[in-house]
Amino acid sequence: MLDFEAIFAEALAQFRRLLPEFSALTEADPVYKILQLFAARELLLRQRANDKAQQTMLAFATGTNLDHLGALFGVARLVLDPGQPETGVAPTYESDVDFRRWLQRASASLAQRAPTSTTRSARRPMSWTPVPPAPHPGKCWSPFSRALATARLPSHCWTRSQRSSPTTTCAR
């Protein structure tokens, strides 16, 4: 728990155990101020550790941390505008909120082993269209995720037409 008073009380108690000759410590004493400084720094370090730990969870991850979680599913952010690299205009990507929502649905669909049941309408800007039969029946290929490739795929596959990576193809 992050509580300055609890951290300070613990530091003060440990100080008194280690140096019992300082039993008459007052708030004006420089040692008291140093212990307060220590407690404040300890609180900041604990908060930083908590923040870093939260960034490994989908519900709290932002920015590049969210991109790395997406990589676990083999999914990259949707490019909304490719920009113009020659003039220095950076590409525009989907927001953290939209990408997180997509990843939540993607992970749910993999857990249920029914990819199309939860991902068909997962992204509003995408158009889901059936893929024609593959030239090599019975072979499936997915650049998105090894987990998706090993999941029980339905008798037909769907493509995310606005994704920048290749589409999933399967035999009917």
C-alpha atoms as a PDB file:
ATOM      1  CA  MET A   1       0.000   0.000   0.000  1.00  0.00           C
ATOM      2  CA  LEU A   2       1.271   3.460  -0.830  1.00  0.00           C
ATOM      3  CA  ASP A   3       1.027   5.506   2.350  1.00  0.00           C
ATOM      4  CA  PHE A   4       3.627   8.115   3.282  1.00  0.00           C
ATOM      5  CA  GLU A   5       2.751   8.008   6.988  1.00  0.00           C
ATOM      6  CA  ALA A   6       3.104   4.218   7.157  1.00  0.00           C
ATOM      7  CA  ILE A   7       6.455   4.286   5.343  1.00  0.00           C
ATOM      8  CA  PHE A   8       7.698   7.100   7.574  1.00  0.00           C
ATOM      9  CA  ALA A   9       6.553   5.333  10.765  1.00  0.00           C
ATOM     10  CA  GLU A  10       8.332   2.159   9.651  1.00  0.00           C
ATOM     11  CA  ALA A  11      11.555   4.093   8.898  1.00  0.00           C
ATOM     12  CA  LEU A  12      11.361   5.935  12.234  1.00  0.00           C
ATOM     13  CA  ALA A  13      10.799   2.673  14.138  1.00  0.00           C
ATOM     14  CA  GLN A  14      13.750   1.038  12.393  1.00  0.00           C
ATOM     15  CA  PHE A  15      15.939   4.087  13.121  1.00  0.00           C
ATOM     16  CA  ARG A  16      15.013   3.922  16.828  1.00  0.00           C
ATOM     17  CA  ARG A  17      15.783   0.178  16.924  1.00  0.00           C
ATOM     18  CA  LEU A  18      19.197   0.712  15.336  1.00  0.00           C
ATOM     19  CA  LEU A  19      20.108   3.818  17.363  1.00  0.00           C
ATOM     20  CA  PRO A  20      18.267   3.745  20.704  1.00  0.00           C
ATOM     21  CA  GLU A  21      20.383   6.658  21.996  1.00  0.00           C
ATOM     22  CA  PHE A  22      18.284   8.957  19.731  1.00  0.00           C
ATOM     23  CA  SER A  23      15.093   8.229  21.684  1.00  0.00           C
ATOM     24  CA  ALA A  24      14.281  11.930  22.226  1.00  0.00           C
ATOM     25  CA  LEU A  25      13.884  12.667  18.506  1.00  0.00           C
ATOM     26  CA  THR A  26      11.754  15.764  17.748  1.00  0.00           C
ATOM     27  CA  GLU A  27      10.223  17.047  14.526  1.00  0.00           C
ATOM     28  CA  ALA A  28      12.793  19.857  14.453  1.00  0.00           C
ATOM     29  CA  ASP A  29      15.697  17.398  14.518  1.00  0.00           C
ATOM     30  CA  PRO A  30      17.574  17.127  11.166  1.00  0.00           C
ATOM     31  CA  VAL A  31      17.458  13.311  11.409  1.00  0.00           C
ATOM     32  CA  TYR A  32      13.661  13.521  11.507  1.00  0.00           C
ATOM     33  CA  LYS A  33      13.697  15.609   8.302  1.00  0.00           C
ATOM     34  CA  ILE A  34      16.064  13.127   6.622  1.00  0.00           C
ATOM     35  CA  LEU A  35      13.726  10.267   7.550  1.00  0.00           C
ATOM     36  CA  GLN A  36      10.808  12.217   6.031  1.00  0.00           C
ATOM     37  CA  LEU A  37      12.840  12.725   2.862  1.00  0.00           C
ATOM     38  CA  PHE A  38      13.663   9.005   2.803  1.00  0.00           C
ATOM     39  CA  ALA A  39       9.975   8.105   3.210  1.00  0.00           C
ATOM     40  CA  ALA A  40       8.975  10.478   0.399  1.00  0.00           C
ATOM     41  CA  ARG A  41      11.588   8.993  -1.951  1.00  0.00           C
ATOM     42  CA  GLU A  42      10.543   5.458  -0.975  1.00  0.00           C
ATOM     43  CA  LEU A  43       6.941   6.363  -1.783  1.00  0.00           C
ATOM     44  CA  LEU A  44       7.966   7.665  -5.233  1.00  0.00           C
ATOM     45  CA  LEU A  45       9.990   4.518  -5.960  1.00  0.00           C
ATOM     46  CA  ARG A  46       7.091   2.270  -4.973  1.00  0.00           C
ATOM     47  CA  GLN A  47       4.717   4.303  -7.142  1.00  0.00           C
ATOM     48  CA  ARG A  48       7.101   4.048 -10.091  1.00  0.00           C
ATOM     49  CA  ALA A  49       7.333   0.266  -9.621  1.00  0.00           C
ATOM     50  CA  ASN A  50       3.531   0.033  -9.469  1.00  0.00           C
ATOM     51  CA  ASP A  51       3.184   2.110 -12.642  1.00  0.00           C
ATOM     52  CA  LYS A  52       5.678  -0.099 -14.489  1.00  0.00           C
ATOM     53  CA  ALA A  53       3.893  -3.246 -13.338  1.00  0.00           C
ATOM     54  CA  GLN A  54       0.531  -1.859 -14.454  1.00  0.00           C
ATOM     55  CA  GLN A  55       1.924  -1.115 -17.921  1.00  0.00           C
ATOM     56  CA  THR A  56       2.293  -4.878 -18.435  1.00  0.00           C
ATOM     57  CA  MET A  57      -1.479  -5.310 -18.085  1.00  0.00           C
ATOM     58  CA  LEU A  58      -3.784  -4.671 -21.020  1.00  0.00           C
ATOM     59  CA  ALA A  59      -6.219  -2.578 -18.973  1.00  0.00           C
ATOM     60  CA  PHE A  60      -3.539  -0.030 -18.025  1.00  0.00           C
ATOM     61  CA  ALA A  61      -0.960  -0.170 -20.845  1.00  0.00           C
ATOM     62  CA  THR A  62      -0.463   2.913 -23.019  1.00  0.00           C
ATOM     63  CA  GLY A  63       1.699   3.936 -25.960  1.00  0.00           C
ATOM     64  CA  THR A  64       4.533   1.603 -26.878  1.00  0.00           C
ATOM     65  CA  ASN A  65       3.732  -0.685 -23.937  1.00  0.00           C
ATOM     66  CA  LEU A  66       0.322  -1.316 -25.508  1.00  0.00           C
ATOM     67  CA  ASP A  67       2.022  -1.911 -28.880  1.00  0.00           C
ATOM     68  CA  HIS A  68       4.220  -4.570 -27.281  1.00  0.00           C
ATOM     69  CA  LEU A  69       1.173  -6.290 -25.782  1.00  0.00           C
ATOM     70  CA  GLY A  70      -0.376  -6.221 -29.255  1.00  0.00           C
ATOM     71  CA  ALA A  71       2.731  -7.934 -30.586  1.00  0.00           C
ATOM     72  CA  LEU A  72       1.922 -10.897 -28.325  1.00  0.00           C
ATOM     73  CA  PHE A  73      -1.200 -11.377 -30.456  1.00  0.00           C
ATOM     74  CA  GLY A  74       0.658 -10.554 -33.662  1.00  0.00           C
ATOM     75  CA  VAL A  75      -1.431  -7.420 -34.171  1.00  0.00           C
ATOM     76  CA  ALA A  76      -0.143  -3.935 -34.943  1.00  0.00           C
ATOM     77  CA  ARG A  77      -1.987  -0.652 -34.588  1.00  0.00           C
ATOM     78  CA  LEU A  78      -4.212   0.327 -37.466  1.00  0.00           C
ATOM     79  CA  VAL A  79      -2.630   3.032 -39.632  1.00  0.00           C
ATOM     80  CA  LEU A  80      -5.277   5.723 -40.112  1.00  0.00           C
ATOM     81  CA  ASP A  81      -3.093   7.968 -42.278  1.00  0.00           C
ATOM     82  CA  PRO A  82       0.264   6.797 -43.675  1.00  0.00           C
ATOM     83  CA  GLY A  83       1.630  10.350 -43.580  1.00  0.00           C
ATOM     84  CA  GLN A  84       4.374  11.550 -45.912  1.00  0.00           C
ATOM     85  CA  PRO A  85       7.823  10.394 -44.785  1.00  0.00           C
ATOM     86  CA  GLU A  86       9.551  12.412 -47.512  1.00  0.00           C
ATOM     87  CA  THR A  87       8.173  15.678 -46.100  1.00  0.00           C
ATOM     88  CA  GLY A  88       8.494  14.659 -42.453  1.00  0.00           C
ATOM     89  CA  VAL A  89       4.765  14.107 -41.799  1.00  0.00           C
ATOM     90  CA  ALA A  90       4.479  11.184 -39.386  1.00  0.00           C
ATOM     91  CA  PRO A  91       1.818   8.508 -39.844  1.00  0.00           C
ATOM     92  CA  THR A  92      -1.349   8.660 -37.741  1.00  0.00           C
ATOM     93  CA  TYR A  93      -2.297   5.533 -35.820  1.00  0.00           C
ATOM     94  CA  GLU A  94      -5.440   4.516 -33.984  1.00  0.00           C
ATOM     95  CA  SER A  95      -5.839   5.648 -30.377  1.00  0.00           C
ATOM     96  CA  ASP A  96      -4.848   3.633 -27.315  1.00  0.00           C
ATOM     97  CA  VAL A  97      -8.531   3.196 -26.405  1.00  0.00           C
ATOM     98  CA  ASP A  98      -9.457   1.732 -29.808  1.00  0.00           C
ATOM     99  CA  PHE A  99      -6.380  -0.499 -29.963  1.00  0.00           C
ATOM    100  CA  ARG A 100      -6.976  -1.751 -26.396  1.00  0.00           C
ATOM    101  CA  ARG A 101     -10.600  -2.574 -27.255  1.00  0.00           C
ATOM    102  CA  TRP A 102      -9.399  -4.504 -30.304  1.00  0.00           C
ATOM    103  CA  LEU A 103      -6.831  -6.442 -28.257  1.00  0.00           C
ATOM    104  CA  GLN A 104      -9.409  -7.289 -25.584  1.00  0.00           C
ATOM    105  CA  ARG A 105     -11.707  -8.749 -28.196  1.00  0.00           C
ATOM    106  CA  ALA A 106      -8.855 -10.519 -29.975  1.00  0.00           C
ATOM    107  CA  SER A 107      -7.718 -12.144 -26.733  1.00  0.00           C
ATOM    108  CA  ALA A 108     -11.296 -13.125 -25.882  1.00  0.00           C
ATOM    109  CA  SER A 109     -11.779 -14.725 -29.283  1.00  0.00           C
ATOM    110  CA  LEU A 110      -8.566 -16.723 -28.940  1.00  0.00           C
ATOM    111  CA  ALA A 111      -9.590 -17.865 -25.475  1.00  0.00           C
ATOM    112  CA  GLN A 112     -12.948 -19.022 -26.818  1.00  0.00           C
ATOM    113  CA  ARG A 113     -11.324 -20.659 -29.844  1.00  0.00           C
ATOM    114  CA  ALA A 114     -13.910 -18.973 -32.057  1.00  0.00           C
ATOM    115  CA  PRO A 115     -12.068 -16.181 -33.858  1.00  0.00           C
ATOM    116  CA  THR A 116     -14.950 -14.885 -35.960  1.00  0.00           C
ATOM    117  CA  SER A 117     -17.621 -14.900 -33.260  1.00  0.00           C
ATOM    118  CA  THR A 118     -16.130 -11.989 -31.350  1.00  0.00           C
ATOM    119  CA  THR A 119     -13.861 -10.270 -33.844  1.00  0.00           C
ATOM    120  CA  ARG A 120     -16.204  -9.797 -36.781  1.00  0.00           C
ATOM    121  CA  SER A 121     -17.575  -6.547 -35.423  1.00  0.00           C
ATOM    122  CA  ALA A 122     -14.664  -5.691 -33.153  1.00  0.00           C
ATOM    123  CA  ARG A 123     -13.614  -2.675 -35.190  1.00  0.00           C
ATOM    124  CA  ARG A 124     -16.183  -0.342 -36.640  1.00  0.00           C
ATOM    125  CA  PRO A 125     -13.958   1.157 -39.356  1.00  0.00           C
ATOM    126  CA  MET A 126     -13.181  -2.276 -40.782  1.00  0.00           C
ATOM    127  CA  SER A 127     -15.202  -4.039 -43.371  1.00  0.00           C
ATOM    128  CA  TRP A 128     -15.334  -7.774 -42.881  1.00  0.00           C
ATOM    129  CA  THR A 129     -15.569  -9.719 -46.093  1.00  0.00           C
ATOM    130  CA  PRO A 130     -15.407 -13.448 -46.730  1.00  0.00           C
ATOM    131  CA  VAL A 131     -12.201 -14.616 -48.384  1.00  0.00           C
ATOM    132  CA  PRO A 132     -12.573 -16.728 -51.528  1.00  0.00           C
ATOM    133  CA  PRO A 133     -11.350 -20.330 -51.371  1.00  0.00           C
ATOM    134  CA  ALA A 134      -7.586 -20.688 -51.120  1.00  0.00           C
ATOM    135  CA  PRO A 135      -5.653 -22.029 -54.100  1.00  0.00           C
ATOM    136  CA  HIS A 136      -4.279 -24.808 -51.882  1.00  0.00           C
ATOM    137  CA  PRO A 137      -7.266 -26.311 -50.035  1.00  0.00           C
ATOM    138  CA  GLY A 138      -6.655 -27.331 -46.462  1.00  0.00           C
ATOM    139  CA  LYS A 139      -3.711 -24.997 -45.833  1.00  0.00           C
ATOM    140  CA  CYS A 140      -4.152 -21.959 -43.624  1.00  0.00           C
ATOM    141  CA  TRP A 141      -1.760 -19.063 -43.186  1.00  0.00           C
ATOM    142  CA  SER A 142      -1.995 -16.252 -40.662  1.00  0.00           C
ATOM    143  CA  PRO A 143       0.564 -13.455 -40.279  1.00  0.00           C
ATOM    144  CA  PHE A 144      -1.261 -12.126 -37.234  1.00  0.00           C
ATOM    145  CA  SER A 145      -0.473 -14.722 -34.623  1.00  0.00           C
ATOM    146  CA  ARG A 146       0.817 -18.213 -34.063  1.00  0.00           C
ATOM    147  CA  ALA A 147      -2.004 -18.674 -31.601  1.00  0.00           C
ATOM    148  CA  LEU A 148      -4.553 -17.790 -34.280  1.00  0.00           C
ATOM    149  CA  ALA A 149      -2.865 -20.145 -36.733  1.00  0.00           C
ATOM    150  CA  THR A 150      -3.091 -23.032 -34.255  1.00  0.00           C
ATOM    151  CA  ALA A 151      -6.635 -22.211 -33.117  1.00  0.00           C
ATOM    152  CA  ARG A 152      -9.576 -24.174 -34.480  1.00  0.00           C
ATOM    153  CA  LEU A 153     -10.446 -22.047 -37.493  1.00  0.00           C
ATOM    154  CA  PRO A 154     -13.982 -21.928 -38.868  1.00  0.00           C
ATOM    155  CA  SER A 155     -14.893 -23.333 -42.270  1.00  0.00           C
ATOM    156  CA  HIS A 156     -14.398 -19.882 -43.757  1.00  0.00           C
ATOM    157  CA  CYS A 157     -12.084 -17.027 -42.860  1.00  0.00           C
ATOM    158  CA  TRP A 158     -12.467 -13.296 -42.697  1.00  0.00           C
ATOM    159  CA  THR A 159     -10.113 -10.538 -43.681  1.00  0.00           C
ATOM    160  CA  ARG A 160      -9.592  -7.192 -42.041  1.00  0.00           C
ATOM    161  CA  SER A 161      -9.452  -5.051 -45.145  1.00  0.00           C
ATOM    162  CA  GLN A 162      -7.956  -1.965 -43.504  1.00  0.00           C
ATOM    163  CA  ARG A 163      -5.056  -3.720 -41.766  1.00  0.00           C
ATOM    164  CA  SER A 164      -1.721  -2.949 -43.359  1.00  0.00           C
ATOM    165  CA  SER A 165      -0.408  -6.515 -43.015  1.00  0.00           C
ATOM    166  CA  PRO A 166      -1.425  -9.402 -45.313  1.00  0.00           C
ATOM    167  CA  THR A 167      -4.807 -10.994 -44.820  1.00  0.00           C
ATOM    168  CA  THR A 168      -5.651 -14.362 -43.384  1.00  0.00           C
ATOM    169  CA  THR A 169      -6.469 -16.925 -46.040  1.00  0.00           C
ATOM    170  CA  CYS A 170      -8.058 -20.309 -45.541  1.00  0.00           C
ATOM    171  CA  ALA A 171      -9.705 -23.016 -47.569  1.00  0.00           C
ATOM    172  CA  ARG A 172     -13.471 -23.253 -47.482  1.00  0.00           C
END
